C-alpha atoms as a PDB file:
ATOM      1  CA  MET A   1      21.642   3.684  10.846  1.00  0.00           C
ATOM      2  CA  ALA A   2      19.875   6.680   9.307  1.00  0.00           C
ATOM      3  CA  GLY A   3      17.676   4.341   7.263  1.00  0.00           C
ATOM      4  CA  ILE A   4      16.713   2.333  10.340  1.00  0.00           C
ATOM      5  CA  ILE A   5      15.895   5.457  12.352  1.00  0.00           C
ATOM      6  CA  ILE A   6      13.800   6.925   9.538  1.00  0.00           C
ATOM      7  CA  SER A   7      11.926   3.649   9.075  1.00  0.00           C
ATOM      8  CA  ASN A   8      11.049   3.332  12.761  1.00  0.00           C
ATOM      9  CA  VAL A   9      10.027   6.978  13.160  1.00  0.00           C
ATOM     10  CA  PHE A  10       7.707   6.881  10.175  1.00  0.00           C
ATOM     11  CA  PHE A  11       6.282   3.502  11.135  1.00  0.00           C
ATOM     12  CA  PHE A  12       5.432   4.897  14.565  1.00  0.00           C
ATOM     13  CA  LEU A  13       3.740   7.866  12.884  1.00  0.00           C
ATOM     14  CA  ALA A  14       1.924   5.491  10.523  1.00  0.00           C
ATOM     15  CA  LEU A  15       0.507   3.562  13.488  1.00  0.00           C
ATOM     16  CA  VAL A  16      -0.581   6.798  15.198  1.00  0.00           C
ATOM     17  CA  PHE A  17      -2.402   8.102  12.134  1.00  0.00           C
ATOM     18  CA  LEU A  18      -3.882   4.682  11.375  1.00  0.00           C
ATOM     19  CA  TYR A  19      -5.331   4.609  14.883  1.00  0.00           C
ATOM     20  CA  LEU A  20      -6.812   8.092  14.462  1.00  0.00           C
ATOM     21  CA  LEU A  21      -8.153   7.171  11.028  1.00  0.00           C
ATOM     22  CA  VAL A  22      -9.846   3.935  12.069  1.00  0.00           C
ATOM     23  CA  ASP A  23     -11.088   5.328  15.383  1.00  0.00           C
ATOM     24  CA  GLU A  24     -12.982   7.999  13.478  1.00  0.00           C
ATOM     25  CA  LEU A  25     -14.124   5.570  10.790  1.00  0.00           C
ATOM     26  CA  PHE A  26     -15.217   2.764  13.161  1.00  0.00           C
ATOM     27  CA  ASP A  27     -14.315   2.765  16.874  1.00  0.00           C
ATOM     28  CA  ALA A  28     -11.360   2.560  19.264  1.00  0.00           C
ATOM     29  CA  SER A  29     -11.378  -1.241  19.584  1.00  0.00           C
ATOM     30  CA  ILE A  30     -11.081  -1.753  15.816  1.00  0.00           C
ATOM     31  CA  ALA A  31      -8.410   0.956  15.693  1.00  0.00           C
ATOM     32  CA  ARG A  32      -6.329  -0.853  18.341  1.00  0.00           C
ATOM     33  CA  MET A  33      -6.575  -4.191  16.557  1.00  0.00           C
ATOM     34  CA  SER A  34      -5.746  -2.584  13.201  1.00  0.00           C
ATOM     35  CA  ILE A  35      -2.391  -1.270  14.397  1.00  0.00           C
ATOM     36  CA  PHE A  36      -1.726  -4.567  16.216  1.00  0.00           C
ATOM     37  CA  TYR A  37      -2.339  -6.681  13.105  1.00  0.00           C
ATOM     38  CA  LEU A  38      -0.220  -4.325  11.017  1.00  0.00           C
ATOM     39  CA  ALA A  39       2.687  -4.220  13.494  1.00  0.00           C
ATOM     40  CA  PHE A  40       2.823  -8.014  13.756  1.00  0.00           C
ATOM     41  CA  ALA A  41       2.013  -8.930  10.163  1.00  0.00           C
ATOM     42  CA  PRO A  42       4.046 -11.893   8.831  1.00  0.00           C
ATOM     43  CA  TYR A  43       6.558  -9.647   7.027  1.00  0.00           C
ATOM     44  CA  ALA A  44       6.327  -6.589   9.287  1.00  0.00           C
ATOM     45  CA  LEU A  45      10.090  -6.602   9.878  1.00  0.00           C
ATOM     46  CA  PHE A  46      10.387  -4.468   6.730  1.00  0.00           C
ATOM     47  CA  PHE A  47       8.774  -1.644   8.675  1.00  0.00           C
ATOM     48  CA  PHE A  48      11.680  -1.639  11.135  1.00  0.00           C
ATOM     49  CA  ILE A  49      14.655  -1.815   8.783  1.00  0.00           C
ATOM     50  CA  GLY A  50      15.990   0.500   6.093  1.00  0.00           C
ATOM     51  CA  TYR A  51      13.323  -0.069   3.459  1.00  0.00           C
ATOM     52  CA  THR A  52      10.764   2.365   2.004  1.00  0.00           C
ATOM     53  CA  GLU A  53       7.757   0.447   3.374  1.00  0.00           C
ATOM     54  CA  ALA A  54       7.333   2.522   6.549  1.00  0.00           C
ATOM     55  CA  LEU A  55       7.664   5.886   4.795  1.00  0.00           C
ATOM     56  CA  PHE A  56       5.322   4.908   1.979  1.00  0.00           C
ATOM     57  CA  LEU A  57       2.785   3.434   4.410  1.00  0.00           C
ATOM     58  CA  PHE A  58       2.775   6.621   6.489  1.00  0.00           C
ATOM     59  CA  LEU A  59       2.236   8.828   3.439  1.00  0.00           C
ATOM     60  CA  CYS A  60      -0.620   6.632   2.156  1.00  0.00           C
ATOM     61  CA  ILE A  61      -2.360   6.689   5.541  1.00  0.00           C
ATOM     62  CA  LEU A  62      -1.774  10.441   5.760  1.00  0.00           C
ATOM     63  CA  VAL A  63      -3.542  10.956   2.422  1.00  0.00           C
ATOM     64  CA  PHE A  64      -6.522   8.882   3.573  1.00  0.00           C
ATOM     65  CA  PHE A  65      -6.568  10.753   6.882  1.00  0.00           C
ATOM     66  CA  CYS A  66      -6.691  14.100   5.056  1.00  0.00           C
ATOM     67  CA  LEU A  67      -9.409  12.852   2.705  1.00  0.00           C
ATOM     68  CA  GLN A  68     -11.453  11.738   5.700  1.00  0.00           C
ATOM     69  CA  LYS A  69     -11.029  15.171   7.282  1.00  0.00           C
ATOM     70  CA  ALA A  70     -12.035  16.774   3.980  1.00  0.00           C
ATOM     71  CA  ILE A  71     -15.234  14.712   4.007  1.00  0.00           C
ATOM     72  CA  LYS A  72     -16.029  15.579   7.600  1.00  0.00           C
ATOM     73  CA  THR A  73     -15.084  19.264   7.746  1.00  0.00           C
ATOM     74  CA  ARG A  74     -15.521  20.287   4.065  1.00  0.00           C
ATOM     75  CA  ARG A  75     -12.400  22.430   4.442  1.00  0.00           C
ATOM     76  CA  LEU A  76     -10.338  22.885   1.266  1.00  0.00           C
ATOM     77  CA  ILE A  77      -7.032  22.783   3.169  1.00  0.00           C
ATOM     78  CA  TYR A  78      -7.396  19.034   3.646  1.00  0.00           C
ATOM     79  CA  TRP A  79      -7.676  18.460  -0.101  1.00  0.00           C
ATOM     80  CA  LEU A  80      -4.407  20.365  -0.496  1.00  0.00           C
ATOM     81  CA  LEU A  81      -2.736  18.346   2.266  1.00  0.00           C
ATOM     82  CA  ALA A  82      -3.936  15.111   0.651  1.00  0.00           C
ATOM     83  CA  GLY A  83      -2.357  16.213  -2.629  1.00  0.00           C
ATOM     84  CA  ILE A  84       0.926  17.088  -0.928  1.00  0.00           C
ATOM     85  CA  GLY A  85       0.970  13.726   0.857  1.00  0.00           C
ATOM     86  CA  GLY A  86       0.362  11.996  -2.468  1.00  0.00           C
ATOM     87  CA  LEU A  87       3.220  13.949  -4.055  1.00  0.00           C
ATOM     88  CA  PHE A  88       5.691  12.712  -1.444  1.00  0.00           C
ATOM     89  CA  ALA A  89       4.275   9.184  -1.678  1.00  0.00           C
ATOM     90  CA  ALA A  90       4.908   9.199  -5.432  1.00  0.00           C
ATOM     91  CA  LEU A  91       8.441  10.451  -4.762  1.00  0.00           C
ATOM     92  CA  SER A  92       8.909   7.571  -2.325  1.00  0.00           C
ATOM     93  CA  ARG A  93       7.526   4.896  -4.654  1.00  0.00           C
ATOM     94  CA  SER A  94       6.023   4.829  -8.121  1.00  0.00           C
ATOM     95  CA  GLN A  95       2.895   3.163  -6.662  1.00  0.00           C
ATOM     96  CA  GLY A  96       2.213   6.504  -5.022  1.00  0.00           C
ATOM     97  CA  VAL A  97       0.513   7.697  -8.220  1.00  0.00           C
ATOM     98  CA  LEU A  98      -2.287   5.233  -7.396  1.00  0.00           C
ATOM     99  CA  LEU A  99      -3.365   7.586  -4.599  1.00  0.00           C
ATOM    100  CA  ALA A 100      -4.898   9.769  -7.306  1.00  0.00           C
ATOM    101  CA  VAL A 101      -7.656   7.157  -7.647  1.00  0.00           C
ATOM    102  CA  PRO A 102      -9.023   7.284  -4.062  1.00  0.00           C
ATOM    103  CA  PHE A 103      -8.614  11.077  -4.196  1.00  0.00           C
ATOM    104  CA  LEU A 104     -10.795  11.171  -7.322  1.00  0.00           C
ATOM    105  CA  VAL A 105     -13.368   8.764  -5.863  1.00  0.00           C
ATOM    106  CA  VAL A 106     -13.804  10.854  -2.707  1.00  0.00           C
ATOM    107  CA  PHE A 107     -13.918  14.058  -4.756  1.00  0.00           C
ATOM    108  CA  ILE A 108     -16.739  12.709  -6.954  1.00  0.00           C
ATOM    109  CA  GLN A 109     -18.657  11.452  -3.920  1.00  0.00           C
ATOM    110  CA  GLN A 110     -18.332  14.785  -2.152  1.00  0.00           C
ATOM    111  CA  TYR A 111     -19.037  17.196  -4.996  1.00  0.00           C
ATOM    112  CA  PHE A 112     -20.974  15.316  -7.665  1.00  0.00           C
ATOM    113  CA  SER A 113     -23.400  13.170  -5.704  1.00  0.00           C
ATOM    114  CA  ARG A 114     -27.058  14.154  -5.836  1.00  0.00           C
ATOM    115  CA  GLN A 115     -27.185  15.481  -2.284  1.00  0.00           C
ATOM    116  CA  ASN A 116     -23.949  17.500  -2.518  1.00  0.00           C
ATOM    117  CA  PHE A 117     -23.806  18.815  -6.083  1.00  0.00           C
ATOM    118  CA  SER A 118     -26.241  21.700  -5.579  1.00  0.00           C
ATOM    119  CA  THR A 119     -24.886  22.662  -2.140  1.00  0.00           C
ATOM    120  CA  THR A 120     -21.340  23.402  -3.355  1.00  0.00           C
ATOM    121  CA  THR A 121     -20.080  26.041  -5.776  1.00  0.00           C
ATOM    122  CA  TRP A 122     -17.950  25.411  -8.838  1.00  0.00           C
ATOM    123  CA  ARG A 123     -15.179  27.395  -7.152  1.00  0.00           C
ATOM    124  CA  GLN A 124     -15.167  24.890  -4.278  1.00  0.00           C
ATOM    125  CA  LYS A 125     -15.158  21.988  -6.738  1.00  0.00           C
ATOM    126  CA  ILE A 126     -12.234  23.378  -8.736  1.00  0.00           C
ATOM    127  CA  LEU A 127     -10.130  24.273  -5.694  1.00  0.00           C
ATOM    128  CA  ALA A 128     -10.705  20.822  -4.181  1.00  0.00           C
ATOM    129  CA  PHE A 129      -9.783  19.084  -7.443  1.00  0.00           C
ATOM    130  CA  ILE A 130      -6.595  20.997  -8.301  1.00  0.00           C
ATOM    131  CA  PRO A 131      -4.384  19.270  -5.639  1.00  0.00           C
ATOM    132  CA  ILE A 132      -4.834  15.910  -7.419  1.00  0.00           C
ATOM    133  CA  VAL A 133      -2.292  17.196  -9.943  1.00  0.00           C
ATOM    134  CA  LEU A 134       0.364  17.123  -7.226  1.00  0.00           C
ATOM    135  CA  ILE A 135       0.211  13.320  -6.938  1.00  0.00           C
ATOM    136  CA  PRO A 136       1.604  12.362 -10.383  1.00  0.00           C
ATOM    137  CA  LEU A 137       3.899  15.388 -10.099  1.00  0.00           C
ATOM    138  CA  GLY A 138       5.918  13.371  -7.593  1.00  0.00           C
ATOM    139  CA  VAL A 139       7.017  10.935 -10.290  1.00  0.00           C
ATOM    140  CA  GLY A 140       7.517  13.864 -12.660  1.00  0.00           C
ATOM    141  CA  ILE A 141       9.931  15.520 -10.225  1.00  0.00           C
ATOM    142  CA  TYR A 142      11.948  12.309  -9.957  1.00  0.00           C
ATOM    143  CA  MET A 143      12.045  11.998 -13.756  1.00  0.00           C
ATOM    144  CA  LEU A 144      13.229  15.612 -13.987  1.00  0.00           C
ATOM    145  CA  TYR A 145      15.962  14.821 -11.465  1.00  0.00           C
ATOM    146  CA  LEU A 146      17.103  11.817 -13.541  1.00  0.00           C
ATOM    147  CA  TRP A 147      17.074  13.885 -16.711  1.00  0.00           C
ATOM    148  CA  HIS A 148      19.155  16.621 -15.078  1.00  0.00           C
ATOM    149  CA  THR A 149      21.697  14.301 -13.430  1.00  0.00           C
ATOM    150  CA  LYS A 150      21.788  11.310 -15.797  1.00  0.00           C
ATOM    151  CA  GLY A 151      20.370  12.648 -19.049  1.00  0.00           C
ATOM    152  CA  ASP A 152      17.504  10.129 -19.154  1.00  0.00           C
ATOM    153  CA  PRO A 153      14.165  10.740 -17.362  1.00  0.00           C
ATOM    154  CA  LEU A 154      13.105   7.099 -17.867  1.00  0.00           C
ATOM    155  CA  LEU A 155      16.301   5.632 -16.454  1.00  0.00           C
ATOM    156  CA  PHE A 156      14.468   4.079 -13.470  1.00  0.00           C
ATOM    157  CA  SER A 157      12.216   2.107 -15.823  1.00  0.00           C
ATOM    158  CA  LYS A 158      15.108   1.014 -18.012  1.00  0.00           C
ATOM    159  CA  ALA A 159      17.106  -0.078 -14.959  1.00  0.00           C
ATOM    160  CA  GLU A 160      14.206  -2.273 -13.827  1.00  0.00           C
ATOM    161  CA  ALA A 161      14.003  -3.860 -17.265  1.00  0.00           C
ATOM    162  CA  LEU A 162      17.740  -4.356 -17.831  1.00  0.00           C
ATOM    163  CA  GLY A 163      18.887  -5.090 -14.298  1.00  0.00           C
ATOM    164  CA  TRP A 164      15.902  -7.030 -12.970  1.00  0.00           C
ATOM    165  CA  GLY A 165      14.054  -8.140 -16.079  1.00  0.00           C
ATOM    166  CA  ARG A 166      10.892  -6.379 -14.936  1.00  0.00           C
ATOM    167  CA  LYS A 167       8.731  -5.551 -17.955  1.00  0.00           C
ATOM    168  CA  LEU A 168       5.049  -4.741 -18.306  1.00  0.00           C
ATOM    169  CA  THR A 169       3.181  -8.061 -18.245  1.00  0.00           C
ATOM    170  CA  PRO A 170      -0.537  -8.925 -17.970  1.00  0.00           C
ATOM    171  CA  PRO A 171      -1.191  -9.867 -14.321  1.00  0.00           C
ATOM    172  CA  TRP A 172      -2.811 -13.202 -15.164  1.00  0.00           C
ATOM    173  CA  ILE A 173       0.363 -14.264 -16.995  1.00  0.00           C
ATOM    174  CA  SER A 174       2.477 -13.322 -13.976  1.00  0.00           C
ATOM    175  CA  VAL A 175       0.258 -15.435 -11.717  1.00  0.00           C
ATOM    176  CA  ALA A 176       0.213 -18.353 -14.175  1.00  0.00           C
ATOM    177  CA  ASN A 177       4.021 -18.357 -14.394  1.00  0.00           C
ATOM    178  CA  ALA A 178       4.261 -18.261 -10.591  1.00  0.00           C
ATOM    179  CA  ILE A 179       1.913 -21.254 -10.278  1.00  0.00           C
ATOM    180  CA  LYS A 180       3.955 -23.227 -12.807  1.00  0.00           C
ATOM    181  CA  ALA A 181       7.165 -22.346 -10.955  1.00  0.00           C
ATOM    182  CA  ALA A 182       5.631 -23.372  -7.624  1.00  0.00           C
ATOM    183  CA  LEU A 183       4.985 -26.857  -9.021  1.00  0.00           C
ATOM    184  CA  LEU A 184       8.654 -27.405  -9.897  1.00  0.00           C
ATOM    185  CA  PRO A 185      10.687 -29.174  -7.168  1.00  0.00           C
ATOM    186  CA  ASP A 186      13.671 -26.832  -7.012  1.00  0.00           C
ATOM    187  CA  MET A 187      15.227 -24.371  -4.574  1.00  0.00           C
ATOM    188  CA  LEU A 188      12.722 -21.646  -5.493  1.00  0.00           C
ATOM    189  CA  GLN A 189       9.620 -23.758  -4.921  1.00  0.00           C
ATOM    190  CA  ILE A 190       9.009 -22.728  -1.306  1.00  0.00           C
ATOM    191  CA  GLN A 191       9.590 -19.085  -2.150  1.00  0.00           C
ATOM    192  CA  ASN A 192       7.086 -19.245  -5.021  1.00  0.00           C
ATOM    193  CA  ILE A 193       4.538 -20.928  -2.750  1.00  0.00           C
ATOM    194  CA  LEU A 194       4.947 -18.208  -0.110  1.00  0.00           C
ATOM    195  CA  ASN A 195       4.587 -15.503  -2.761  1.00  0.00           C
ATOM    196  CA  LEU A 196       1.366 -17.058  -4.059  1.00  0.00           C
ATOM    197  CA  ALA A 197       0.077 -17.529  -0.515  1.00  0.00           C
ATOM    198  CA  SER A 198       0.619 -13.826   0.205  1.00  0.00           C
ATOM    199  CA  LEU A 199      -1.223 -12.892  -2.965  1.00  0.00           C
ATOM    200  CA  ALA A 200      -4.102 -15.296  -2.265  1.00  0.00           C
ATOM    201  CA  GLY A 201      -4.380 -14.105   1.332  1.00  0.00           C
ATOM    202  CA  ALA A 202      -4.662 -10.459   0.277  1.00  0.00           C
ATOM    203  CA  ILE A 203      -7.244 -11.214  -2.427  1.00  0.00           C
ATOM    204  CA  ILE A 204      -9.387 -13.427  -0.179  1.00  0.00           C
ATOM    205  CA  ALA A 205      -9.318 -10.899   2.668  1.00  0.00           C
ATOM    206  CA  LEU A 206     -10.379  -8.098   0.336  1.00  0.00           C
ATOM    207  CA  MET A 207     -13.120 -10.169  -1.293  1.00  0.00           C
ATOM    208  CA  MET A 208     -14.556 -11.176   2.069  1.00  0.00           C
ATOM    209  CA  GLY A 209     -14.380  -7.763   3.711  1.00  0.00           C
ATOM    210  CA  TRP A 210     -14.663  -5.104   1.023  1.00  0.00           C
ATOM    211  CA  ARG A 211     -18.203  -4.233   2.095  1.00  0.00           C
ATOM    212  CA  ARG A 212     -16.873  -3.216   5.498  1.00  0.00           C
ATOM    213  CA  LEU A 213     -14.776  -0.423   3.990  1.00  0.00           C
ATOM    214  CA  PRO A 214     -15.556   2.826   2.153  1.00  0.00           C
ATOM    215  CA  LEU A 215     -15.267   2.473  -1.615  1.00  0.00           C
ATOM    216  CA  HIS A 216     -11.965   4.352  -1.980  1.00  0.00           C
ATOM    217  CA  TYR A 217     -10.268   2.022   0.536  1.00  0.00           C
ATOM    218  CA  THR A 218     -11.332  -1.051  -1.442  1.00  0.00           C
ATOM    219  CA  ILE A 219     -10.269   0.358  -4.799  1.00  0.00           C
ATOM    220  CA  PHE A 220      -6.881   1.449  -3.479  1.00  0.00           C
ATOM    221  CA  ALA A 221      -6.257  -1.971  -1.918  1.00  0.00           C
ATOM    222  CA  ALA A 222      -7.156  -3.708  -5.190  1.00  0.00           C
ATOM    223  CA  LEU A 223      -4.793  -1.471  -7.140  1.00  0.00           C
ATOM    224  CA  LEU A 224      -1.931  -2.179  -4.727  1.00  0.00           C
ATOM    225  CA  ILE A 225      -2.517  -5.901  -5.219  1.00  0.00           C
ATOM    226  CA  ILE A 226      -2.524  -5.658  -9.017  1.00  0.00           C
ATOM    227  CA  PHE A 227       0.385  -3.236  -9.499  1.00  0.00           C
ATOM    228  CA  PRO A 228       3.307  -5.579  -8.607  1.00  0.00           C
ATOM    229  CA  LEU A 229       1.773  -8.295 -10.803  1.00  0.00           C
ATOM    230  CA  LEU A 230       2.325  -6.021 -13.801  1.00  0.00           C
ATOM    231  CA  TYR A 231       6.121  -6.121 -13.393  1.00  0.00           C
ATOM    232  CA  PRO A 232       7.227  -9.679 -12.546  1.00  0.00           C
ATOM    233  CA  LEU A 233      10.850 -10.662 -12.103  1.00  0.00           C
ATOM    234  CA  GLY A 234      11.079 -13.088 -15.005  1.00  0.00           C
ATOM    235  CA  LYS A 235       9.375 -16.504 -14.879  1.00  0.00           C
ATOM    236  CA  ALA A 236      11.348 -18.633 -12.417  1.00  0.00           C
ATOM    237  CA  ASP A 237      10.553 -16.354  -9.475  1.00  0.00           C
ATOM    238  CA  GLY A 238       8.342 -13.685 -10.963  1.00  0.00           C
ATOM    239  CA  LEU A 239       6.572 -12.661  -7.766  1.00  0.00           C
ATOM    240  CA  THR A 240       9.745 -12.026  -5.792  1.00  0.00           C
ATOM    241  CA  ALA A 241       9.183  -9.556  -2.912  1.00  0.00           C
ATOM    242  CA  LEU A 242       5.399  -9.791  -3.327  1.00  0.00           C
ATOM    243  CA  PRO A 243       4.829 -10.469   0.418  1.00  0.00           C
ATOM    244  CA  ARG A 244       6.629  -7.201   1.115  1.00  0.00           C
ATOM    245  CA  TYR A 245       4.446  -5.353  -1.379  1.00  0.00           C
ATOM    246  CA  MET A 246       1.280  -6.831   0.144  1.00  0.00           C
ATOM    247  CA  LEU A 247       2.444  -5.602   3.555  1.00  0.00           C
ATOM    248  CA  ILE A 248       1.587  -1.965   2.840  1.00  0.00           C
ATOM    249  CA  ILE A 249      -2.081  -2.650   2.026  1.00  0.00           C
ATOM    250  CA  PHE A 250      -3.357  -1.232   5.311  1.00  0.00           C
ATOM    251  CA  PRO A 251      -7.084  -1.624   4.426  1.00  0.00           C
ATOM    252  CA  ILE A 252      -6.612  -5.394   4.871  1.00  0.00           C
ATOM    253  CA  ALA A 253      -5.492  -4.858   8.481  1.00  0.00           C
ATOM    254  CA  ILE A 254      -8.661  -2.810   8.998  1.00  0.00           C
ATOM    255  CA  ILE A 255     -10.759  -5.626   7.534  1.00  0.00           C
ATOM    256  CA  PHE A 256      -9.205  -8.168   9.907  1.00  0.00           C
ATOM    257  CA  ALA A 257      -9.733  -5.826  12.865  1.00  0.00           C
ATOM    258  CA  SER A 258     -13.400  -5.364  11.959  1.00  0.00           C
ATOM    259  CA  TYR A 259     -14.027  -9.066  12.639  1.00  0.00           C
ATOM    260  CA  LYS A 260     -14.460  -8.929  16.390  1.00  0.00           C
ATOM    261  CA  GLY A 261     -14.222 -12.023  18.558  1.00  0.00           C
ATOM    262  CA  PRO A 262     -11.496 -13.698  20.626  1.00  0.00           C
ATOM    263  CA  ARG A 263     -11.621 -16.888  18.557  1.00  0.00           C
ATOM    264  CA  PHE A 264     -10.914 -15.073  15.285  1.00  0.00           C
ATOM    265  CA  GLU A 265      -8.121 -13.060  16.887  1.00  0.00           C
ATOM    266  CA  LYS A 266      -6.449 -16.187  18.302  1.00  0.00           C
ATOM    267  CA  VAL A 267      -6.651 -18.062  14.991  1.00  0.00           C
ATOM    268  CA  LEU A 268      -5.263 -15.124  13.019  1.00  0.00           C
ATOM    269  CA  LEU A 269      -2.402 -14.530  15.433  1.00  0.00           C
ATOM    270  CA  ALA A 270      -1.642 -18.252  15.486  1.00  0.00           C
ATOM    271  CA  LEU A 271      -1.183 -18.049  11.716  1.00  0.00           C
ATOM    272  CA  THR A 272       0.691 -14.755  11.432  1.00  0.00           C
ATOM    273  CA  PHE A 273       2.840 -14.374  14.549  1.00  0.00           C
ATOM    274  CA  PRO A 274       4.963 -17.537  13.982  1.00  0.00           C
ATOM    275  CA  ILE A 275       5.702 -16.389  10.427  1.00  0.00           C
ATOM    276  CA  PHE A 276       6.604 -12.939  11.772  1.00  0.00           C
ATOM    277  CA  THR A 277       9.078 -14.574  14.173  1.00  0.00           C
ATOM    278  CA  VAL A 278      10.581 -16.850  11.530  1.00  0.00           C
ATOM    279  CA  THR A 279      11.059 -14.041   9.000  1.00  0.00           C
ATOM    280  CA  ILE A 280      12.983 -12.030  11.591  1.00  0.00           C
ATOM    281  CA  LEU A 281      15.199 -15.010  12.422  1.00  0.00           C
ATOM    282  CA  LEU A 282      15.841 -15.654   8.735  1.00  0.00           C
ATOM    283  CA  PHE A 283      16.652 -12.017   8.028  1.00  0.00           C
ATOM    284  CA  ILE A 284      19.137 -11.583  10.864  1.00  0.00           C
ATOM    285  CA  SER A 285      20.726 -14.877   9.773  1.00  0.00           C
ATOM    286  CA  HIS A 286      21.320 -13.412   6.289  1.00  0.00           C
ATOM    287  CA  TYR A 287      18.735 -15.508   4.454  1.00  0.00           C
ATOM    288  CA  TRP A 288      16.444 -14.154   1.703  1.00  0.00           C
ATOM    289  CA  VAL A 289      13.038 -13.261   3.137  1.00  0.00           C
ATOM    290  CA  ALA A 290      11.077 -11.204   0.565  1.00  0.00           C
END
């Protein structure tokens, strides 16, 4: 019950901050459609149940919100808040360390571009940069906790390798194995096809709409796509849970929302809403979803 309550509270907060973020970045109509597409994404049920998706999504959006405020107001407090948000995101999930990349991109744009370099002091640059250290510190804190309680700071990585068979693998090999598995007529074929479809959908959406987003949004989305490909679950069903991992890539929802027009909205909802309904029915019926 606690997990469900936490998930729903943080998903609500994620939608609120996403609206504020996109409203400031684009306009209110795109902001409304962004939260709508995210709330009714094909696998959005994982935002409502006791998984880390909602918490991690909120923290990622919070970091981007603070970075946007740092750009607009030039106040150093927002750089610190972005670093703190990244720290908690890294504590929530190891992918949280990827938030250091958009932080760095925005920092370079703000303090080392031609028009801004001479108008800011080195003190401002240093104070704005220091909070980036907090982001990888989140994983470091968790490793320290494991070392103190279990005697092994890398236990989480070893558990993934021993218990789930997840080992560092080139992403193209993970995709190739998934394609081969999807061609085999067995009980995992449909699941492999759905995993590949989720991956293809995310890549195509980003390729078609990356120009509509600021650079740090695009880079972060690309990193979130690549990261789970680095740790496949063996070969028979290597991309297990990939649709769930693609769910948290909120820049894709913004891309979809930026395409205005009733025809596009109807087609997209006709594709996503039935899957959303089916995944809920499967989950409550105790079937594997993602």
